[in-house]
Amino acid sequence: MSHSINQEQVDFAQHVRTTCHRLNNFLTILQCQHEHLAGLPSSQLEPELAVVLQDLEPLVDTAANDVLELSKQCRDFLEGVTHPDTSQKLD
């Protein structure tokens, strides 16, 4: 059974790593957009910002969902590490 637990831990670690890479990519995109917008004259800022925000909206939603899901999974994982003998949740 410990082999199964170890594989679950390896799979979870890989999931955390993959999610962190996706979030890092998202933050890199935000940084690039920030630099792009910072270089614009004020007369072009508002229309360009609208385009950027429209493009970013699905990425923001995905990143927010990734963070929320990873937070829940980490909490569950840590509760399992803290209380490994309890396989049932208490009401």
N, C-alpha and C. Protein backbone atom coordinates (compact mmCIF):
# COMPACT_ATOMS: atom_id res chain seq x y z
N MET A 1 0.82 -1.20 0.00
CA MET A 1 0.00 0.00 0.00
C MET A 1 0.86 1.26 0.00
N SER A 2 2.05 1.18 0.59
CA SER A 2 2.91 2.36 0.61
C SER A 2 3.36 2.75 -0.79
N HIS A 3 3.44 1.76 -1.69
CA HIS A 3 3.78 2.06 -3.08
C HIS A 3 2.70 2.95 -3.70
N SER A 4 1.44 2.62 -3.42
CA SER A 4 0.32 3.41 -3.93
C SER A 4 0.35 4.82 -3.37
N ILE A 5 0.62 4.94 -2.07
CA ILE A 5 0.71 6.26 -1.45
C ILE A 5 1.86 7.05 -2.06
N ASN A 6 3.00 6.41 -2.24
CA ASN A 6 4.15 7.10 -2.84
C ASN A 6 3.82 7.57 -4.25
N GLN A 7 3.14 6.75 -5.04
CA GLN A 7 2.76 7.15 -6.40
C GLN A 7 1.79 8.33 -6.36
N GLU A 8 0.86 8.31 -5.40
CA GLU A 8 -0.07 9.44 -5.26
C GLU A 8 0.70 10.72 -4.93
N GLN A 9 1.70 10.60 -4.08
CA GLN A 9 2.50 11.77 -3.72
C GLN A 9 3.29 12.28 -4.91
N VAL A 10 3.84 11.37 -5.70
CA VAL A 10 4.59 11.75 -6.90
C VAL A 10 3.66 12.43 -7.90
N ASP A 11 2.48 11.86 -8.09
CA ASP A 11 1.51 12.45 -9.00
C ASP A 11 1.08 13.84 -8.54
N PHE A 12 0.85 13.98 -7.24
CA PHE A 12 0.44 15.27 -6.70
C PHE A 12 1.57 16.29 -6.87
N ALA A 13 2.79 15.88 -6.59
CA ALA A 13 3.94 16.78 -6.75
C ALA A 13 4.06 17.24 -8.21
N GLN A 14 3.84 16.33 -9.14
CA GLN A 14 3.90 16.69 -10.56
C GLN A 14 2.77 17.66 -10.91
N HIS A 15 1.60 17.44 -10.35
CA HIS A 15 0.47 18.34 -10.58
C HIS A 15 0.79 19.74 -10.04
N VAL A 16 1.36 19.81 -8.85
CA VAL A 16 1.73 21.10 -8.27
C VAL A 16 2.75 21.80 -9.17
N ARG A 17 3.72 21.05 -9.63
CA ARG A 17 4.77 21.62 -10.49
C ARG A 17 4.17 22.15 -11.80
N THR A 18 3.31 21.38 -12.42
CA THR A 18 2.67 21.79 -13.67
C THR A 18 1.82 23.04 -13.47
N THR A 19 1.05 23.06 -12.39
CA THR A 19 0.21 24.21 -12.10
C THR A 19 1.07 25.45 -11.84
N CYS A 20 2.15 25.29 -11.12
CA CYS A 20 3.05 26.42 -10.86
C CYS A 20 3.67 26.95 -12.15
N HIS A 21 3.98 26.06 -13.07
CA HIS A 21 4.51 26.50 -14.38
C HIS A 21 3.46 27.30 -15.14
N ARG A 22 2.21 26.83 -15.13
CA ARG A 22 1.15 27.57 -15.80
C ARG A 22 0.96 28.95 -15.18
N LEU A 23 1.00 29.01 -13.85
CA LEU A 23 0.85 30.30 -13.16
C LEU A 23 2.03 31.21 -13.45
N ASN A 24 3.22 30.65 -13.51
CA ASN A 24 4.40 31.44 -13.84
C ASN A 24 4.29 32.01 -15.25
N ASN A 25 3.80 31.19 -16.18
CA ASN A 25 3.60 31.68 -17.55
C ASN A 25 2.59 32.82 -17.58
N PHE A 26 1.52 32.69 -16.81
CA PHE A 26 0.52 33.74 -16.72
C PHE A 26 1.15 35.04 -16.18
N LEU A 27 1.93 34.92 -15.14
CA LEU A 27 2.58 36.11 -14.57
C LEU A 27 3.56 36.74 -15.55
N THR A 28 4.22 35.93 -16.34
CA THR A 28 5.12 36.45 -17.36
C THR A 28 4.34 37.24 -18.40
N ILE A 29 3.18 36.73 -18.81
CA ILE A 29 2.32 37.45 -19.75
C ILE A 29 1.89 38.78 -19.15
N LEU A 30 1.50 38.77 -17.88
CA LEU A 30 1.10 40.02 -17.23
C LEU A 30 2.25 41.03 -17.21
N GLN A 31 3.44 40.55 -16.92
CA GLN A 31 4.60 41.44 -16.89
C GLN A 31 4.86 42.05 -18.28
N CYS A 32 4.75 41.24 -19.30
CA CYS A 32 4.95 41.73 -20.66
C CYS A 32 3.89 42.77 -21.02
N GLN A 33 2.66 42.51 -20.65
CA GLN A 33 1.59 43.48 -20.93
C GLN A 33 1.81 44.78 -20.16
N HIS A 34 2.27 44.65 -18.93
CA HIS A 34 2.56 45.84 -18.12
C HIS A 34 3.63 46.69 -18.80
N GLU A 35 4.68 46.03 -19.25
CA GLU A 35 5.77 46.76 -19.91
C GLU A 35 5.29 47.40 -21.21
N HIS A 36 4.46 46.68 -21.94
CA HIS A 36 3.89 47.22 -23.19
C HIS A 36 3.06 48.46 -22.91
N LEU A 37 2.17 48.36 -21.93
CA LEU A 37 1.29 49.49 -21.61
C LEU A 37 2.08 50.67 -21.04
N ALA A 38 3.12 50.39 -20.29
CA ALA A 38 3.91 51.46 -19.69
C ALA A 38 4.62 52.30 -20.76
N GLY A 39 4.88 51.70 -21.91
CA GLY A 39 5.58 52.43 -22.96
C GLY A 39 4.67 53.21 -23.90
N LEU A 40 3.39 53.15 -23.71
CA LEU A 40 2.46 53.84 -24.59
C LEU A 40 2.24 55.29 -24.17
N PRO A 41 2.01 56.15 -25.14
CA PRO A 41 1.61 57.51 -24.78
C PRO A 41 0.21 57.48 -24.16
N SER A 42 -0.09 58.43 -23.32
CA SER A 42 -1.36 58.42 -22.59
C SER A 42 -2.57 58.42 -23.51
N SER A 43 -2.45 58.98 -24.69
CA SER A 43 -3.59 59.01 -25.61
C SER A 43 -3.94 57.62 -26.14
N GLN A 44 -2.99 56.70 -26.14
CA GLN A 44 -3.23 55.34 -26.63
C GLN A 44 -3.50 54.35 -25.51
N LEU A 45 -3.30 54.77 -24.28
CA LEU A 45 -3.37 53.85 -23.15
C LEU A 45 -4.76 53.23 -22.96
N GLU A 46 -5.79 54.06 -22.93
CA GLU A 46 -7.13 53.53 -22.65
C GLU A 46 -7.61 52.53 -23.72
N PRO A 47 -7.51 52.85 -25.01
CA PRO A 47 -7.97 51.86 -25.99
C PRO A 47 -7.12 50.59 -25.98
N GLU A 48 -5.85 50.72 -25.78
CA GLU A 48 -4.97 49.54 -25.74
C GLU A 48 -5.22 48.71 -24.49
N LEU A 49 -5.49 49.37 -23.38
CA LEU A 49 -5.80 48.66 -22.14
C LEU A 49 -7.07 47.83 -22.31
N ALA A 50 -8.06 48.36 -22.99
CA ALA A 50 -9.29 47.61 -23.23
C ALA A 50 -9.01 46.34 -24.03
N VAL A 51 -8.17 46.43 -25.03
CA VAL A 51 -7.81 45.26 -25.84
C VAL A 51 -7.05 44.24 -24.99
N VAL A 52 -6.09 44.72 -24.21
CA VAL A 52 -5.27 43.84 -23.37
C VAL A 52 -6.16 43.12 -22.36
N LEU A 53 -7.04 43.85 -21.71
CA LEU A 53 -7.91 43.23 -20.70
C LEU A 53 -8.85 42.20 -21.32
N GLN A 54 -9.33 42.50 -22.51
CA GLN A 54 -10.20 41.54 -23.20
C GLN A 54 -9.42 40.26 -23.50
N ASP A 55 -8.18 40.40 -23.94
CA ASP A 55 -7.34 39.23 -24.23
C ASP A 55 -6.98 38.46 -22.96
N LEU A 56 -6.80 39.18 -21.86
CA LEU A 56 -6.38 38.54 -20.61
C LEU A 56 -7.51 37.87 -19.85
N GLU A 57 -8.74 38.26 -20.11
CA GLU A 57 -9.86 37.77 -19.31
C GLU A 57 -9.90 36.24 -19.19
N PRO A 58 -9.79 35.48 -20.27
CA PRO A 58 -9.83 34.02 -20.09
C PRO A 58 -8.61 33.49 -19.32
N LEU A 59 -7.47 34.15 -19.50
CA LEU A 59 -6.27 33.73 -18.76
C LEU A 59 -6.41 34.00 -17.28
N VAL A 60 -7.03 35.12 -16.94
CA VAL A 60 -7.26 35.47 -15.53
C VAL A 60 -8.18 34.44 -14.90
N ASP A 61 -9.25 34.09 -15.60
CA ASP A 61 -10.19 33.09 -15.08
C ASP A 61 -9.49 31.75 -14.86
N THR A 62 -8.69 31.33 -15.82
CA THR A 62 -7.97 30.05 -15.71
C THR A 62 -7.00 30.09 -14.54
N ALA A 63 -6.24 31.18 -14.41
CA ALA A 63 -5.27 31.30 -13.32
C ALA A 63 -5.98 31.31 -11.97
N ALA A 64 -7.09 32.01 -11.88
CA ALA A 64 -7.84 32.06 -10.62
C ALA A 64 -8.33 30.66 -10.25
N ASN A 65 -8.85 29.93 -11.23
CA ASN A 65 -9.31 28.57 -10.97
C ASN A 65 -8.16 27.66 -10.57
N ASP A 66 -7.00 27.82 -11.23
CA ASP A 66 -5.82 27.03 -10.88
C ASP A 66 -5.40 27.28 -9.44
N VAL A 67 -5.38 28.54 -9.04
CA VAL A 67 -4.98 28.89 -7.67
C VAL A 67 -5.97 28.32 -6.66
N LEU A 68 -7.24 28.46 -6.93
CA LEU A 68 -8.26 27.96 -6.02
C LEU A 68 -8.18 26.44 -5.89
N GLU A 69 -8.08 25.75 -7.00
CA GLU A 69 -8.01 24.29 -6.98
C GLU A 69 -6.74 23.81 -6.29
N LEU A 70 -5.62 24.45 -6.59
CA LEU A 70 -4.36 24.06 -5.96
C LEU A 70 -4.41 24.30 -4.46
N SER A 71 -5.02 25.39 -4.06
CA SER A 71 -5.16 25.68 -2.63
C SER A 71 -5.94 24.58 -1.92
N LYS A 72 -7.06 24.18 -2.52
CA LYS A 72 -7.88 23.11 -1.93
C LYS A 72 -7.09 21.80 -1.86
N GLN A 73 -6.40 21.47 -2.95
CA GLN A 73 -5.65 20.22 -3.00
C GLN A 73 -4.50 20.22 -1.99
N CYS A 74 -3.84 21.34 -1.85
CA CYS A 74 -2.74 21.44 -0.87
C CYS A 74 -3.27 21.28 0.55
N ARG A 75 -4.39 21.93 0.83
CA ARG A 75 -5.00 21.80 2.16
C ARG A 75 -5.35 20.34 2.44
N ASP A 76 -5.97 19.67 1.47
CA ASP A 76 -6.32 18.26 1.63
C ASP A 76 -5.07 17.40 1.84
N PHE A 77 -4.05 17.68 1.06
CA PHE A 77 -2.80 16.92 1.18
C PHE A 77 -2.18 17.11 2.56
N LEU A 78 -2.11 18.36 3.00
CA LEU A 78 -1.49 18.65 4.29
C LEU A 78 -2.31 18.06 5.44
N GLU A 79 -3.63 18.06 5.33
CA GLU A 79 -4.45 17.43 6.35
C GLU A 79 -4.18 15.92 6.38
N GLY A 80 -3.97 15.32 5.23
CA GLY A 80 -3.65 13.90 5.15
C GLY A 80 -2.30 13.59 5.76
N VAL A 81 -1.34 14.49 5.60
CA VAL A 81 -0.01 14.30 6.19
C VAL A 81 -0.08 14.48 7.70
N THR A 82 -0.85 15.48 8.15
CA THR A 82 -0.97 15.76 9.57
C THR A 82 -1.73 14.66 10.30
N HIS A 83 -2.76 14.12 9.63
CA HIS A 83 -3.61 13.09 10.23
C HIS A 83 -3.69 11.88 9.30
N PRO A 84 -2.59 11.15 9.13
CA PRO A 84 -2.59 10.05 8.16
C PRO A 84 -3.49 8.87 8.55
N ASP A 85 -3.82 8.71 9.83
CA ASP A 85 -4.62 7.56 10.25
C ASP A 85 -6.11 7.76 10.05
N THR A 86 -6.54 8.99 9.80
CA THR A 86 -7.96 9.25 9.63
C THR A 86 -8.30 9.20 8.15
N SER A 87 -9.07 8.22 7.79
CA SER A 87 -9.48 8.11 6.39
C SER A 87 -10.88 8.64 6.19
N GLN A 88 -11.57 8.99 7.27
CA GLN A 88 -12.91 9.53 7.17
C GLN A 88 -12.93 10.96 7.70
N LYS A 89 -13.76 11.76 7.10
CA LYS A 89 -13.95 13.12 7.62
C LYS A 89 -14.97 13.08 8.72
N LEU A 90 -14.73 13.85 9.76
CA LEU A 90 -15.67 13.94 10.86
C LEU A 90 -16.77 14.92 10.51
N ASP A 91 -17.98 14.62 10.96
CA ASP A 91 -19.11 15.53 10.70
C ASP A 91 -19.12 16.66 11.67
